[in-house]
C-alpha atoms as a PDB file:
ATOM      1  CA  MET A   1      -0.168  -0.170  -0.267  1.00  0.00           C
ATOM      2  CA  ALA A   2       1.032   3.818  -0.784  1.00  0.00           C
ATOM      3  CA  ASN A   3       2.286   5.435   2.002  1.00  0.00           C
ATOM      4  CA  ARG A   4      -0.599   7.471   3.650  1.00  0.00           C
ATOM      5  CA  PRO A   5       0.227  11.561   3.477  1.00  0.00           C
ATOM      6  CA  SER A   6      -0.120  13.007   6.790  1.00  0.00           C
ATOM      7  CA  ASN A   7       0.084  16.623   5.186  1.00  0.00           C
ATOM      8  CA  ILE A   8      -1.152  18.398   2.502  1.00  0.00           C
ATOM      9  CA  SER A   9      -1.489  22.095   1.091  1.00  0.00           C
ATOM     10  CA  LEU A  10      -4.079  23.811  -1.028  1.00  0.00           C
ATOM     11  CA  ARG A  11      -3.266  26.498  -2.875  1.00  0.00           C
ATOM     12  CA  PHE A  12      -5.501  29.210  -4.805  1.00  0.00           C
ATOM     13  CA  LEU A  13      -6.262  33.126  -5.205  1.00  0.00           C
ATOM     14  CA  ALA A  14      -8.159  34.930  -3.270  1.00  0.00           C
ATOM     15  CA  GLU A  15     -11.481  35.593  -5.762  1.00  0.00           C
ATOM     16  CA  PRO A  16     -13.424  39.108  -5.369  1.00  0.00           C
ATOM     17  CA  THR A  17     -16.575  36.907  -4.636  1.00  0.00           C
ATOM     18  CA  ASP A  18     -14.820  35.825  -1.611  1.00  0.00           C
ATOM     19  CA  VAL A  19     -15.123  39.281  -0.039  1.00  0.00           C
ATOM     20  CA  ASN A  20     -17.131  40.768   3.227  1.00  0.00           C
ATOM     21  CA  PHE A  21     -18.460  44.405   3.363  1.00  0.00           C
ATOM     22  CA  GLY A  22     -15.098  45.451   5.093  1.00  0.00           C
ATOM     23  CA  GLY A  23     -13.411  44.499   1.668  1.00  0.00           C
ATOM     24  CA  LYS A  24     -11.368  41.516   2.758  1.00  0.00           C
ATOM     25  CA  VAL A  25     -12.077  37.922   2.714  1.00  0.00           C
ATOM     26  CA  HIS A  26     -14.868  37.141   4.430  1.00  0.00           C
ATOM     27  CA  GLY A  27     -14.286  34.723   7.795  1.00  0.00           C
ATOM     28  CA  GLY A  28     -16.799  32.082   6.471  1.00  0.00           C
ATOM     29  CA  THR A  29     -14.949  31.506   3.438  1.00  0.00           C
ATOM     30  CA  VAL A  30     -11.974  31.326   5.282  1.00  0.00           C
ATOM     31  CA  MET A  31     -13.646  28.631   7.558  1.00  0.00           C
ATOM     32  CA  LYS A  32     -14.560  26.903   4.478  1.00  0.00           C
ATOM     33  CA  TRP A  33     -11.102  26.249   3.210  1.00  0.00           C
ATOM     34  CA  ILE A  34     -10.369  25.150   6.615  1.00  0.00           C
ATOM     35  CA  ASP A  35     -12.694  22.805   6.457  1.00  0.00           C
ATOM     36  CA  GLN A  36     -12.122  21.611   2.665  1.00  0.00           C
ATOM     37  CA  ALA A  37      -7.861  21.321   3.789  1.00  0.00           C
ATOM     38  CA  ALA A  38      -8.592  19.476   6.756  1.00  0.00           C
ATOM     39  CA  TYR A  39     -11.155  16.980   4.809  1.00  0.00           C
ATOM     40  CA  THR A  40      -8.570  16.069   2.235  1.00  0.00           C
ATOM     41  CA  CYS A  41      -5.994  15.508   5.035  1.00  0.00           C
ATOM     42  CA  ALA A  42      -8.275  13.635   6.987  1.00  0.00           C
ATOM     43  CA  THR A  43      -9.406  11.235   4.019  1.00  0.00           C
ATOM     44  CA  ALA A  44      -6.235  10.938   2.435  1.00  0.00           C
ATOM     45  CA  TRP A  45      -5.120   9.677   5.808  1.00  0.00           C
ATOM     46  CA  SER A  46      -7.654   7.341   7.276  1.00  0.00           C
ATOM     47  CA  ARG A  47      -8.651   6.214   3.339  1.00  0.00           C
ATOM     48  CA  GLU A  48     -12.352   6.814   4.765  1.00  0.00           C
ATOM     49  CA  TYR A  49     -15.257   8.981   4.063  1.00  0.00           C
ATOM     50  CA  CYS A  50     -14.401  11.522   7.640  1.00  0.00           C
ATOM     51  CA  VAL A  51     -17.252  14.229   8.984  1.00  0.00           C
ATOM     52  CA  THR A  52     -16.282  17.340  11.206  1.00  0.00           C
ATOM     53  CA  VAL A  53     -16.961  16.660  14.515  1.00  0.00           C
ATOM     54  CA  TYR A  54     -15.382  19.800  16.195  1.00  0.00           C
ATOM     55  CA  VAL A  55     -13.790  23.111  14.956  1.00  0.00           C
ATOM     56  CA  GLY A  56     -11.424  24.689  17.949  1.00  0.00           C
ATOM     57  CA  GLY A  57      -9.586  27.614  18.531  1.00  0.00           C
ATOM     58  CA  ILE A  58     -10.044  29.492  15.595  1.00  0.00           C
ATOM     59  CA  ARG A  59      -7.520  32.433  15.511  1.00  0.00           C
ATOM     60  CA  PHE A  60      -7.902  34.912  12.682  1.00  0.00           C
ATOM     61  CA  LEU A  61      -4.624  36.588  13.080  1.00  0.00           C
ATOM     62  CA  LYS A  62      -4.484  38.905   9.763  1.00  0.00           C
ATOM     63  CA  PRO A  63      -6.907  39.667   6.855  1.00  0.00           C
ATOM     64  CA  ILE A  64      -6.981  38.081   3.426  1.00  0.00           C
ATOM     65  CA  ARG A  65      -6.795  40.159   0.447  1.00  0.00           C
ATOM     66  CA  ILE A  66      -8.774  39.574  -2.974  1.00  0.00           C
ATOM     67  CA  GLY A  67      -6.054  38.718  -5.346  1.00  0.00           C
ATOM     68  CA  HIS A  68      -3.667  37.194  -2.674  1.00  0.00           C
ATOM     69  CA  LEU A  69      -2.364  33.734  -2.857  1.00  0.00           C
ATOM     70  CA  VAL A  70      -4.150  31.713  -0.114  1.00  0.00           C
ATOM     71  CA  GLU A  71      -2.015  28.111   0.854  1.00  0.00           C
ATOM     72  CA  ALA A  72      -3.794  25.919   3.310  1.00  0.00           C
ATOM     73  CA  ASN A  73      -2.007  23.267   5.210  1.00  0.00           C
ATOM     74  CA  ALA A  74      -3.067  20.509   6.783  1.00  0.00           C
ATOM     75  CA  LYS A  75      -1.731  18.263   8.877  1.00  0.00           C
ATOM     76  CA  VAL A  76      -2.207  15.310  11.195  1.00  0.00           C
ATOM     77  CA  ILE A  77      -1.385  15.624  14.897  1.00  0.00           C
ATOM     78  CA  TYR A  78      -3.075  12.741  16.889  1.00  0.00           C
ATOM     79  CA  THR A  79      -5.071  10.046  16.138  1.00  0.00           C
ATOM     80  CA  GLY A  80      -7.127   8.318  17.968  1.00  0.00           C
ATOM     81  CA  SER A  81      -9.486   4.967  17.190  1.00  0.00           C
ATOM     82  CA  THR A  82     -11.616   6.586  14.780  1.00  0.00           C
ATOM     83  CA  SER A  83     -10.881  10.244  15.052  1.00  0.00           C
ATOM     84  CA  LEU A  84      -8.428  12.488  13.514  1.00  0.00           C
ATOM     85  CA  HIS A  85      -6.869  15.883  15.007  1.00  0.00           C
ATOM     86  CA  ILE A  86      -6.101  17.962  12.226  1.00  0.00           C
ATOM     87  CA  MET A  87      -4.096  21.312  12.473  1.00  0.00           C
ATOM     88  CA  VAL A  88      -4.939  23.659   9.520  1.00  0.00           C
ATOM     89  CA  ASP A  89      -2.503  26.995   8.794  1.00  0.00           C
ATOM     90  CA  ILE A  90      -3.796  29.756   6.448  1.00  0.00           C
ATOM     91  CA  TYR A  91      -1.270  31.843   4.984  1.00  0.00           C
ATOM     92  CA  SER A  92      -1.663  34.455   2.077  1.00  0.00           C
ATOM     93  CA  GLY A  93       0.390  37.155   0.575  1.00  0.00           C
ATOM     94  CA  ASP A  94       0.387  38.864  -2.770  1.00  0.00           C
ATOM     95  CA  PRO A  95       1.649  36.601  -5.361  1.00  0.00           C
ATOM     96  CA  LYS A  96       4.049  39.143  -7.212  1.00  0.00           C
ATOM     97  CA  ARG A  97       6.263  39.371  -4.135  1.00  0.00           C
ATOM     98  CA  ASP A  98       7.786  37.128  -1.231  1.00  0.00           C
ATOM     99  CA  ASN A  99       5.238  38.230   1.545  1.00  0.00           C
ATOM    100  CA  ARG A 100       3.365  35.425   2.665  1.00  0.00           C
ATOM    101  CA  GLN A 101       1.893  35.685   6.262  1.00  0.00           C
ATOM    102  CA  LYS A 102       0.203  33.181   8.398  1.00  0.00           C
ATOM    103  CA  THR A 103      -3.503  34.361   9.035  1.00  0.00           C
ATOM    104  CA  THR A 104      -5.708  31.490  10.431  1.00  0.00           C
ATOM    105  CA  ASN A 105      -5.133  28.996  12.253  1.00  0.00           C
ATOM    106  CA  CYS A 106      -6.957  26.049  14.012  1.00  0.00           C
ATOM    107  CA  VAL A 107      -7.536  22.398  14.939  1.00  0.00           C
ATOM    108  CA  ILE A 108     -10.887  20.406  13.395  1.00  0.00           C
ATOM    109  CA  ILE A 109     -11.495  16.765  14.545  1.00  0.00           C
ATOM    110  CA  PHE A 110     -12.829  14.384  11.962  1.00  0.00           C
ATOM    111  CA  VAL A 111     -14.542  10.853  12.607  1.00  0.00           C
ATOM    112  CA  ALA A 112     -13.842   7.809   9.831  1.00  0.00           C
ATOM    113  CA  VAL A 113     -17.298   6.396   8.479  1.00  0.00           C
ATOM    114  CA  ASP A 114     -18.628   3.910   6.893  1.00  0.00           C
ATOM    115  CA  ASP A 115     -21.703   4.512   4.574  1.00  0.00           C
ATOM    116  CA  ALA A 116     -24.610   3.985   7.093  1.00  0.00           C
ATOM    117  CA  GLY A 117     -22.385   6.563   9.167  1.00  0.00           C
ATOM    118  CA  ASN A 118     -21.257   4.857  11.596  1.00  0.00           C
ATOM    119  CA  PRO A 119     -17.589   5.342  12.666  1.00  0.00           C
ATOM    120  CA  VAL A 120     -14.936   3.113  11.599  1.00  0.00           C
ATOM    121  CA  PRO A 121     -11.195   2.483  12.965  1.00  0.00           C
ATOM    122  CA  ILE A 122      -8.313   4.230  11.235  1.00  0.00           C
ATOM    123  CA  LYS A 123      -4.409   3.435  11.113  1.00  0.00           C
ATOM    124  CA  LYS A 124      -2.661   5.377  14.263  1.00  0.00           C
ATOM    125  CA  TRP A 125      -0.411   8.197  13.149  1.00  0.00           C
ATOM    126  CA  LYS A 126       2.769   8.441  14.851  1.00  0.00           C
ATOM    127  CA  ALA A 127       4.431  11.610  16.075  1.00  0.00           C
ATOM    128  CA  GLN A 128       8.218  11.016  14.594  1.00  0.00           C
ATOM    129  CA  THR A 129       9.729  14.462  14.803  1.00  0.00           C
ATOM    130  CA  GLU A 130       9.993  17.041  18.068  1.00  0.00           C
ATOM    131  CA  GLU A 131       7.812  19.211  15.925  1.00  0.00           C
ATOM    132  CA  GLU A 132       4.924  16.676  15.474  1.00  0.00           C
ATOM    133  CA  LYS A 133       5.598  15.500  19.264  1.00  0.00           C
ATOM    134  CA  LYS A 134       4.831  18.732  20.498  1.00  0.00           C
ATOM    135  CA  LEU A 135       1.663  18.944  18.152  1.00  0.00           C
ATOM    136  CA  GLU A 136       0.557  15.892  19.594  1.00  0.00           C
ATOM    137  CA  LYS A 137       0.785  17.159  22.802  1.00  0.00           C
ATOM    138  CA  TYR A 138      -1.117  20.053  21.951  1.00  0.00           C
ATOM    139  CA  ALA A 139      -3.976  18.047  20.630  1.00  0.00           C
ATOM    140  CA  GLN A 140      -4.023  16.034  23.791  1.00  0.00           C
ATOM    141  CA  ILE A 141      -4.094  18.851  25.451  1.00  0.00           C
ATOM    142  CA  LEU A 142      -7.140  20.617  24.290  1.00  0.00           C
ATOM    143  CA  MET A 143      -8.608  17.341  24.472  1.00  0.00           C
ATOM    144  CA  GLU A 144      -8.577  17.662  28.383  1.00  0.00           C
ATOM    145  CA  ARG A 145     -10.048  21.228  28.023  1.00  0.00           C
ATOM    146  CA  ARG A 146     -12.772  20.150  25.889  1.00  0.00           C
ATOM    147  CA  LYS A 147     -14.236  17.773  28.277  1.00  0.00           C
ATOM    148  CA  VAL A 148     -13.865  20.618  31.054  1.00  0.00           C
ATOM    149  CA  ILE A 149     -15.846  22.895  28.362  1.00  0.00           C
ATOM    150  CA  HIS A 150     -18.015  19.749  27.598  1.00  0.00           C
ATOM    151  CA  GLU A 151     -18.865  19.059  31.541  1.00  0.00           C
ATOM    152  CA  GLU A 152     -19.839  23.011  31.880  1.00  0.00           C
ATOM    153  CA  HIS A 153     -22.234  23.350  29.238  1.00  0.00           C
ATOM    154  CA  GLU A 154     -23.927  20.098  30.088  1.00  0.00           C
ATOM    155  CA  LYS A 155     -24.552  21.809  33.458  1.00  0.00           C
ATOM    156  CA  ILE A 156     -26.037  24.528  31.406  1.00  0.00           C
ATOM    157  CA  PHE A 157     -27.923  23.534  28.637  1.00  0.00           C
ATOM    158  CA  GLY A 158     -28.170  20.246  29.700  1.00  0.00           C
ATOM    159  CA  LYS A 159     -26.786  16.487  28.233  1.00  0.00           C
ATOM    160  CA  ASP A 160     -26.891  16.794  24.043  1.00  0.00           C
END
């Protein structure tokens, strides 16, 4: 079996149809790009159809201008038995210059599912480099914090 890619990059130009009322790329459009890049990465790793189950800690650092080259970099940072944590960083810059800057980042979680929508097991991803080990630890910290948030949510809104 061929190697499973644990990271992918999508590149495209920010188009005039992506603009918001402030003249920059709409945040919802950036969120769509994040989901598309993360989905591509999750399915390439798992070899299964994957569904988004959580998007957390999205940070909009800088605006994206129309006409800029956008790069969405997605990488696996942790896997459970059926889930994948994908970190996505969005960069953009004028394609005529070498001025690409990080504009957005977040962690998005997918679950691999079968045709009936039931979770299916996936191959375990293993951190190799120091950077990957640091990101894997970050994903584990986020999981612990989400448990606390979930408990607080249930206290206020009841069980889902």
